[in-house]
Full PDB file with SEQRES, HELIX, SHEET, SSBOND, CRYST1, ORIGX, SCALE, CONECT and MASTER records, all heavy atoms in Angstrom:
SEQRES   1 A   30  HIS TRP VAL ALA ALA GLU TYR ALA ALA ILE VAL ALA SER          
SEQRES   2 A   30  ARG ASP GLY GLY VAL ARG ARG CYS LEU PHE VAL ALA GLU          
SEQRES   3 A   30  VAL GLU GLY ARG                                              
HELIX    1 AA1 ALA A    4  ALA A   12  1                                   9    
CRYST1    1.000    1.000    1.000  90.00  90.00  90.00 P 1           1          
ORIGX1      1.000000  0.000000  0.000000        0.00000                         
ORIGX2      0.000000  1.000000  0.000000        0.00000                         
ORIGX3      0.000000  0.000000  1.000000        0.00000                         
SCALE1      1.000000  0.000000  0.000000        0.00000                         
SCALE2      0.000000  1.000000  0.000000        0.00000                         
SCALE3      0.000000  0.000000  1.000000        0.00000                         
ATOM      1  N   HIS A   1       0.846  -1.198   0.000  1.00  0.00           N  
ATOM      2  CA  HIS A   1       0.000   0.000   0.000  1.00  0.00           C  
ATOM      3  C   HIS A   1       0.874   1.238   0.000  1.00  0.00           C  
ATOM      4  O   HIS A   1       1.536   1.553   0.988  1.00  0.00           O  
ATOM      5  CB  HIS A   1      -0.959  -0.039   1.192  1.00  0.00           C  
ATOM      6  CG  HIS A   1      -1.900  -1.200   1.119  1.00  0.00           C  
ATOM      7  ND1 HIS A   1      -2.870  -1.303   0.150  1.00  0.00           N  
ATOM      8  CD2 HIS A   1      -1.983  -2.334   1.841  1.00  0.00           C  
ATOM      9  CE1 HIS A   1      -3.528  -2.433   0.303  1.00  0.00           C  
ATOM     10  NE2 HIS A   1      -2.997  -3.093   1.321  1.00  0.00           N  
ATOM     11  N   TRP A   2       0.865   1.923  -1.133  1.00  0.00           N  
ATOM     12  CA  TRP A   2       1.653   3.125  -1.334  1.00  0.00           C  
ATOM     13  C   TRP A   2       0.727   4.329  -1.321  1.00  0.00           C  
ATOM     14  O   TRP A   2      -0.470   4.225  -1.596  1.00  0.00           O  
ATOM     15  CB  TRP A   2       2.377   3.070  -2.679  1.00  0.00           C  
ATOM     16  CG  TRP A   2       3.349   1.939  -2.821  1.00  0.00           C  
ATOM     17  CD1 TRP A   2       3.921   1.201  -1.820  1.00  0.00           C  
ATOM     18  CD2 TRP A   2       3.873   1.414  -4.037  1.00  0.00           C  
ATOM     19  NE1 TRP A   2       4.769   0.259  -2.352  1.00  0.00           N  
ATOM     20  CE2 TRP A   2       4.755   0.360  -3.700  1.00  0.00           C  
ATOM     21  CE3 TRP A   2       3.688   1.719  -5.379  1.00  0.00           C  
ATOM     22  CZ2 TRP A   2       5.453  -0.373  -4.657  1.00  0.00           C  
ATOM     23  CZ3 TRP A   2       4.378   0.995  -6.323  1.00  0.00           C  
ATOM     24  CH2 TRP A   2       5.253  -0.039  -5.968  1.00  0.00           C  
ATOM     25  N   VAL A   3       1.290   5.495  -1.085  1.00  0.00           N  
ATOM     26  CA  VAL A   3       0.509   6.730  -1.134  1.00  0.00           C  
ATOM     27  C   VAL A   3       0.262   7.107  -2.597  1.00  0.00           C  
ATOM     28  O   VAL A   3       1.018   6.709  -3.497  1.00  0.00           O  
ATOM     29  CB  VAL A   3       1.208   7.884  -0.378  1.00  0.00           C  
ATOM     30  CG1 VAL A   3       1.324   7.557   1.114  1.00  0.00           C  
ATOM     31  CG2 VAL A   3       2.568   8.181  -0.970  1.00  0.00           C  
ATOM     32  N   ALA A   4      -0.769   7.883  -2.822  1.00  0.00           N  
ATOM     33  CA  ALA A   4      -1.136   8.289  -4.182  1.00  0.00           C  
ATOM     34  C   ALA A   4       0.012   8.981  -4.900  1.00  0.00           C  
ATOM     35  O   ALA A   4       0.210   8.789  -6.109  1.00  0.00           O  
ATOM     36  CB  ALA A   4      -2.371   9.192  -4.142  1.00  0.00           C  
ATOM     37  N   ALA A   5       0.784   9.772  -4.177  1.00  0.00           N  
ATOM     38  CA  ALA A   5       1.896  10.506  -4.794  1.00  0.00           C  
ATOM     39  C   ALA A   5       2.940   9.560  -5.391  1.00  0.00           C  
ATOM     40  O   ALA A   5       3.591   9.902  -6.373  1.00  0.00           O  
ATOM     41  CB  ALA A   5       2.548  11.427  -3.768  1.00  0.00           C  
ATOM     42  N   GLU A   6       3.100   8.380  -4.807  1.00  0.00           N  
ATOM     43  CA  GLU A   6       4.061   7.406  -5.327  1.00  0.00           C  
ATOM     44  C   GLU A   6       3.650   6.942  -6.727  1.00  0.00           C  
ATOM     45  O   GLU A   6       4.466   6.889  -7.652  1.00  0.00           O  
ATOM     46  CB  GLU A   6       4.150   6.203  -4.382  1.00  0.00           C  
ATOM     47  CG  GLU A   6       5.196   5.205  -4.755  1.00  0.00           C  
ATOM     48  CD  GLU A   6       6.598   5.636  -4.366  1.00  0.00           C  
ATOM     49  OE1 GLU A   6       6.754   6.542  -3.540  1.00  0.00           O  
ATOM     50  OE2 GLU A   6       7.553   5.058  -4.916  1.00  0.00           O  
ATOM     51  N   TYR A   7       2.380   6.615  -6.896  1.00  0.00           N  
ATOM     52  CA  TYR A   7       1.889   6.216  -8.222  1.00  0.00           C  
ATOM     53  C   TYR A   7       1.966   7.372  -9.214  1.00  0.00           C  
ATOM     54  O   TYR A   7       2.337   7.189 -10.367  1.00  0.00           O  
ATOM     55  CB  TYR A   7       0.449   5.694  -8.138  1.00  0.00           C  
ATOM     56  CG  TYR A   7       0.337   4.377  -7.411  1.00  0.00           C  
ATOM     57  CD1 TYR A   7      -0.163   4.313  -6.125  1.00  0.00           C  
ATOM     58  CD2 TYR A   7       0.735   3.187  -8.019  1.00  0.00           C  
ATOM     59  CE1 TYR A   7      -0.269   3.106  -5.462  1.00  0.00           C  
ATOM     60  CE2 TYR A   7       0.636   1.976  -7.355  1.00  0.00           C  
ATOM     61  CZ  TYR A   7       0.131   1.932  -6.074  1.00  0.00           C  
ATOM     62  OH  TYR A   7       0.031   0.747  -5.417  1.00  0.00           O  
ATOM     63  N   ALA A   8       1.614   8.572  -8.764  1.00  0.00           N  
ATOM     64  CA  ALA A   8       1.675   9.747  -9.646  1.00  0.00           C  
ATOM     65  C   ALA A   8       3.106   9.993 -10.116  1.00  0.00           C  
ATOM     66  O   ALA A   8       3.337  10.334 -11.279  1.00  0.00           O  
ATOM     67  CB  ALA A   8       1.127  10.971  -8.926  1.00  0.00           C  
ATOM     68  N   ALA A   9       4.081   9.787  -9.233  1.00  0.00           N  
ATOM     69  CA  ALA A   9       5.480   9.984  -9.609  1.00  0.00           C  
ATOM     70  C   ALA A   9       5.920   8.961 -10.653  1.00  0.00           C  
ATOM     71  O   ALA A   9       6.694   9.284 -11.551  1.00  0.00           O  
ATOM     72  CB  ALA A   9       6.373   9.890  -8.367  1.00  0.00           C  
ATOM     73  N   ILE A  10       5.421   7.749 -10.550  1.00  0.00           N  
ATOM     74  CA  ILE A  10       5.761   6.713 -11.543  1.00  0.00           C  
ATOM     75  C   ILE A  10       5.245   7.118 -12.911  1.00  0.00           C  
ATOM     76  O   ILE A  10       5.949   7.030 -13.913  1.00  0.00           O  
ATOM     77  CB  ILE A  10       5.175   5.344 -11.138  1.00  0.00           C  
ATOM     78  CG1 ILE A  10       5.819   4.843  -9.839  1.00  0.00           C  
ATOM     79  CG2 ILE A  10       5.374   4.317 -12.257  1.00  0.00           C  
ATOM     80  CD1 ILE A  10       5.108   3.648  -9.227  1.00  0.00           C  
ATOM     81  N   VAL A  11       4.006   7.571 -12.969  1.00  0.00           N  
ATOM     82  CA  VAL A  11       3.394   7.953 -14.243  1.00  0.00           C  
ATOM     83  C   VAL A  11       4.061   9.188 -14.830  1.00  0.00           C  
ATOM     84  O   VAL A  11       4.265   9.269 -16.043  1.00  0.00           O  
ATOM     85  CB  VAL A  11       1.870   8.180 -14.060  1.00  0.00           C  
ATOM     86  CG1 VAL A  11       1.247   8.798 -15.297  1.00  0.00           C  
ATOM     87  CG2 VAL A  11       1.184   6.858 -13.719  1.00  0.00           C  
ATOM     88  N   ALA A  12       4.447  10.123 -13.980  1.00  0.00           N  
ATOM     89  CA  ALA A  12       5.001  11.396 -14.456  1.00  0.00           C  
ATOM     90  C   ALA A  12       6.425  11.280 -14.966  1.00  0.00           C  
ATOM     91  O   ALA A  12       6.829  12.036 -15.842  1.00  0.00           O  
ATOM     92  CB  ALA A  12       4.941  12.435 -13.336  1.00  0.00           C  
ATOM     93  N   SER A  13       7.211  10.344 -14.432  1.00  0.00           N  
ATOM     94  CA  SER A  13       8.624  10.284 -14.770  1.00  0.00           C  
ATOM     95  C   SER A  13       8.997   8.956 -15.398  1.00  0.00           C  
ATOM     96  O   SER A  13       8.720   7.909 -14.842  1.00  0.00           O  
ATOM     97  CB  SER A  13       9.457  10.506 -13.507  1.00  0.00           C  
ATOM     98  OG  SER A  13      10.818  10.344 -13.804  1.00  0.00           O  
ATOM     99  N   ARG A  14       9.647   9.014 -16.546  1.00  0.00           N  
ATOM    100  CA  ARG A  14      10.087   7.799 -17.226  1.00  0.00           C  
ATOM    101  C   ARG A  14      11.605   7.770 -17.409  1.00  0.00           C  
ATOM    102  O   ARG A  14      12.139   6.842 -17.954  1.00  0.00           O  
ATOM    103  CB  ARG A  14       9.424   7.690 -18.608  1.00  0.00           C  
ATOM    104  CG  ARG A  14       7.930   7.701 -18.561  1.00  0.00           C  
ATOM    105  CD  ARG A  14       7.374   6.331 -18.769  1.00  0.00           C  
ATOM    106  NE  ARG A  14       5.967   6.368 -19.067  1.00  0.00           N  
ATOM    107  CZ  ARG A  14       5.011   6.276 -18.161  1.00  0.00           C  
ATOM    108  NH1 ARG A  14       5.305   6.193 -16.901  1.00  0.00           N  
ATOM    109  NH2 ARG A  14       3.745   6.279 -18.513  1.00  0.00           N  
ATOM    110  N   ASP A  15      12.298   8.817 -16.994  1.00  0.00           N  
ATOM    111  CA  ASP A  15      13.739   8.908 -17.213  1.00  0.00           C  
ATOM    112  C   ASP A  15      14.478   9.025 -15.892  1.00  0.00           C  
ATOM    113  O   ASP A  15      13.887   9.216 -14.851  1.00  0.00           O  
ATOM    114  CB  ASP A  15      14.063  10.130 -18.085  1.00  0.00           C  
ATOM    115  CG  ASP A  15      13.413  10.032 -19.456  1.00  0.00           C  
ATOM    116  OD1 ASP A  15      13.408   8.933 -20.026  1.00  0.00           O  
ATOM    117  OD2 ASP A  15      12.911  11.053 -19.932  1.00  0.00           O  
ATOM    118  N   GLY A  16      15.786   8.937 -15.956  1.00  0.00           N  
ATOM    119  CA  GLY A  16      16.626   9.110 -14.789  1.00  0.00           C  
ATOM    120  C   GLY A  16      17.324   7.824 -14.411  1.00  0.00           C  
ATOM    121  O   GLY A  16      17.211   6.802 -15.069  1.00  0.00           O  
ATOM    122  N   GLY A  17      18.071   7.868 -13.281  1.00  0.00           N  
ATOM    123  CA  GLY A  17      18.806   6.705 -12.813  1.00  0.00           C  
ATOM    124  C   GLY A  17      17.901   5.574 -12.387  1.00  0.00           C  
ATOM    125  O   GLY A  17      18.208   4.408 -12.570  1.00  0.00           O  
ATOM    126  N   VAL A  18      16.752   5.923 -11.811  1.00  0.00           N  
ATOM    127  CA  VAL A  18      15.754   4.926 -11.440  1.00  0.00           C  
ATOM    128  C   VAL A  18      14.568   5.116 -12.376  1.00  0.00           C  
ATOM    129  O   VAL A  18      13.969   6.188 -12.427  1.00  0.00           O  
ATOM    130  CB  VAL A  18      15.296   5.103  -9.972  1.00  0.00           C  
ATOM    131  CG1 VAL A  18      14.186   4.123  -9.643  1.00  0.00           C  
ATOM    132  CG2 VAL A  18      16.462   4.948  -9.022  1.00  0.00           C  
ATOM    133  N   ARG A  19      14.281   4.081 -13.131  1.00  0.00           N  
ATOM    134  CA  ARG A  19      13.121   4.132 -14.044  1.00  0.00           C  
ATOM    135  C   ARG A  19      12.054   3.209 -13.501  1.00  0.00           C  
ATOM    136  O   ARG A  19      12.337   2.093 -13.078  1.00  0.00           O  
ATOM    137  CB  ARG A  19      13.548   3.708 -15.442  1.00  0.00           C  
ATOM    138  CG  ARG A  19      14.533   4.686 -16.065  1.00  0.00           C  
ATOM    139  CD  ARG A  19      15.098   4.144 -17.362  1.00  0.00           C  
ATOM    140  NE  ARG A  19      15.748   2.861 -17.178  1.00  0.00           N  
ATOM    141  CZ  ARG A  19      17.058   2.676 -17.161  1.00  0.00           C  
ATOM    142  NH1 ARG A  19      17.872   3.680 -17.313  1.00  0.00           N  
ATOM    143  NH2 ARG A  19      17.569   1.480 -16.990  1.00  0.00           N  
ATOM    144  N   ARG A  20      10.826   3.677 -13.517  1.00  0.00           N  
ATOM    145  CA  ARG A  20       9.694   2.870 -13.063  1.00  0.00           C  
ATOM    146  C   ARG A  20       8.589   2.966 -14.089  1.00  0.00           C  
ATOM    147  O   ARG A  20       8.457   3.973 -14.779  1.00  0.00           O  
ATOM    148  CB  ARG A  20       9.210   3.356 -11.701  1.00  0.00           C  
ATOM    149  CG  ARG A  20      10.278   3.137 -10.626  1.00  0.00           C  
ATOM    150  CD  ARG A  20       9.910   3.756  -9.330  1.00  0.00           C  
ATOM    151  NE  ARG A  20       9.035   2.863  -8.580  1.00  0.00           N  
ATOM    152  CZ  ARG A  20       8.353   3.256  -7.523  1.00  0.00           C  
ATOM    153  NH1 ARG A  20       8.407   4.502  -7.111  1.00  0.00           N  
ATOM    154  NH2 ARG A  20       7.589   2.394  -6.876  1.00  0.00           N  
ATOM    155  N   CYS A  21       7.798   1.915 -14.163  1.00  0.00           N  
ATOM    156  CA  CYS A  21       6.693   1.895 -15.105  1.00  0.00           C  
ATOM    157  C   CYS A  21       5.493   1.225 -14.462  1.00  0.00           C  
ATOM    158  O   CYS A  21       5.628   0.190 -13.801  1.00  0.00           O  
ATOM    159  CB  CYS A  21       7.097   1.161 -16.386  1.00  0.00           C  
ATOM    160  SG  CYS A  21       5.982   1.485 -17.759  1.00  0.00           S  
ATOM    161  N   LEU A  22       4.337   1.829 -14.650  1.00  0.00           N  
ATOM    162  CA  LEU A  22       3.071   1.311 -14.147  1.00  0.00           C  
ATOM    163  C   LEU A  22       2.248   0.845 -15.337  1.00  0.00           C  
ATOM    164  O   LEU A  22       1.968   1.624 -16.244  1.00  0.00           O  
ATOM    165  CB  LEU A  22       2.330   2.412 -13.376  1.00  0.00           C  
ATOM    166  CG  LEU A  22       0.901   2.141 -12.926  1.00  0.00           C  
ATOM    167  CD1 LEU A  22       0.841   0.967 -11.945  1.00  0.00           C  
ATOM    168  CD2 LEU A  22       0.323   3.404 -12.281  1.00  0.00           C  
ATOM    169  N   PHE A  23       1.920  -0.437 -15.348  1.00  0.00           N  
ATOM    170  CA  PHE A  23       1.066  -1.013 -16.383  1.00  0.00           C  
ATOM    171  C   PHE A  23      -0.308  -1.269 -15.798  1.00  0.00           C  
ATOM    172  O   PHE A  23      -0.432  -1.613 -14.618  1.00  0.00           O  
ATOM    173  CB  PHE A  23       1.636  -2.348 -16.883  1.00  0.00           C  
ATOM    174  CG  PHE A  23       2.889  -2.210 -17.692  1.00  0.00           C  
ATOM    175  CD1 PHE A  23       4.130  -2.254 -17.072  1.00  0.00           C  
ATOM    176  CD2 PHE A  23       2.834  -2.030 -19.064  1.00  0.00           C  
ATOM    177  CE1 PHE A  23       5.297  -2.130 -17.807  1.00  0.00           C  
ATOM    178  CE2 PHE A  23       3.998  -1.898 -19.805  1.00  0.00           C  
ATOM    179  CZ  PHE A  23       5.233  -1.948 -19.171  1.00  0.00           C  
ATOM    180  N   VAL A  24      -1.348  -1.123 -16.624  1.00  0.00           N  
ATOM    181  CA  VAL A  24      -2.705  -1.480 -16.205  1.00  0.00           C  
ATOM    182  C   VAL A  24      -3.276  -2.505 -17.168  1.00  0.00           C  
ATOM    183  O   VAL A  24      -2.907  -2.556 -18.343  1.00  0.00           O  
ATOM    184  CB  VAL A  24      -3.650  -0.254 -16.121  1.00  0.00           C  
ATOM    185  CG1 VAL A  24      -3.224   0.694 -15.008  1.00  0.00           C  
ATOM    186  CG2 VAL A  24      -3.761   0.472 -17.440  1.00  0.00           C  
ATOM    187  N   ALA A  25      -4.183  -3.297 -16.626  1.00  0.00           N  
ATOM    188  CA  ALA A  25      -4.988  -4.217 -17.430  1.00  0.00           C  
ATOM    189  C   ALA A  25      -6.394  -3.666 -17.394  1.00  0.00           C  
ATOM    190  O   ALA A  25      -6.916  -3.335 -16.321  1.00  0.00           O  
ATOM    191  CB  ALA A  25      -4.952  -5.623 -16.825  1.00  0.00           C  
ATOM    192  N   GLU A  26      -7.003  -3.542 -18.577  1.00  0.00           N  
ATOM    193  CA  GLU A  26      -8.358  -3.000 -18.614  1.00  0.00           C  
ATOM    194  C   GLU A  26      -9.250  -3.839 -19.508  1.00  0.00           C  
ATOM    195  O   GLU A  26      -8.796  -4.472 -20.465  1.00  0.00           O  
ATOM    196  CB  GLU A  26      -8.366  -1.540 -19.066  1.00  0.00           C  
ATOM    197  CG  GLU A  26      -7.973  -1.331 -20.502  1.00  0.00           C  
ATOM    198  CD  GLU A  26      -8.074   0.127 -20.949  1.00  0.00           C  
ATOM    199  OE1 GLU A  26      -8.352   1.007 -20.126  1.00  0.00           O  
ATOM    200  OE2 GLU A  26      -7.867   0.367 -22.132  1.00  0.00           O  
ATOM    201  N   VAL A  27     -10.527  -3.828 -19.157  1.00  0.00           N  
ATOM    202  CA  VAL A  27     -11.573  -4.451 -19.966  1.00  0.00           C  
ATOM    203  C   VAL A  27     -12.665  -3.412 -20.127  1.00  0.00           C  
ATOM    204  O   VAL A  27     -13.167  -2.881 -19.131  1.00  0.00           O  
ATOM    205  CB  VAL A  27     -12.151  -5.718 -19.286  1.00  0.00           C  
ATOM    206  CG1 VAL A  27     -13.346  -6.241 -20.047  1.00  0.00           C  
ATOM    207  CG2 VAL A  27     -11.091  -6.784 -19.157  1.00  0.00           C  
ATOM    208  N   GLU A  28     -12.980  -3.081 -21.360  1.00  0.00           N  
ATOM    209  CA  GLU A  28     -14.021  -2.095 -21.664  1.00  0.00           C  
ATOM    210  C   GLU A  28     -13.824  -0.799 -20.869  1.00  0.00           C  
ATOM    211  O   GLU A  28     -14.762  -0.246 -20.311  1.00  0.00           O  
ATOM    212  CB  GLU A  28     -15.398  -2.701 -21.409  1.00  0.00           C  
ATOM    213  CG  GLU A  28     -15.682  -3.880 -22.305  1.00  0.00           C  
ATOM    214  CD  GLU A  28     -17.007  -4.574 -22.008  1.00  0.00           C  
ATOM    215  OE1 GLU A  28     -17.735  -4.130 -21.089  1.00  0.00           O  
ATOM    216  OE2 GLU A  28     -17.305  -5.559 -22.703  1.00  0.00           O  
ATOM    217  N   GLY A  29     -12.568  -0.351 -20.788  1.00  0.00           N  
ATOM    218  CA  GLY A  29     -12.251   0.913 -20.133  1.00  0.00           C  
ATOM    219  C   GLY A  29     -12.160   0.839 -18.621  1.00  0.00           C  
ATOM    220  O   GLY A  29     -11.878   1.844 -17.975  1.00  0.00           O  
ATOM    221  N   ARG A  30     -12.368  -0.335 -18.026  1.00  0.00           N  
ATOM    222  CA  ARG A  30     -12.306  -0.487 -16.566  1.00  0.00           C  
ATOM    223  C   ARG A  30     -11.011  -1.176 -16.176  1.00  0.00           C  
ATOM    224  O   ARG A  30     -10.687  -2.241 -16.695  1.00  0.00           O  
ATOM    225  CB  ARG A  30     -13.504  -1.313 -16.074  1.00  0.00           C  
ATOM    226  CG  ARG A  30     -13.617  -1.371 -14.565  1.00  0.00           C  
ATOM    227  CD  ARG A  30     -14.884  -2.090 -14.127  1.00  0.00           C  
ATOM    228  NE  ARG A  30     -14.811  -3.523 -14.316  1.00  0.00           N  
ATOM    229  CZ  ARG A  30     -14.250  -4.380 -13.466  1.00  0.00           C  
ATOM    230  NH1 ARG A  30     -13.672  -3.941 -12.375  1.00  0.00           N  
ATOM    231  NH2 ARG A  30     -14.263  -5.676 -13.720  1.00  0.00           N  
TER     232      ARG A  30                                                      
MASTER        0    0    0    1    0    0    0    6  231    1    0    3          
END                                                                             
């Protein structure tokens, strides 16, 4: 369980020494 800011930081930043990526699985937009 991470704080919302942690997920937002992953989405906002794709470069740098530490790279993180958030993938989602969706069905009909959900």
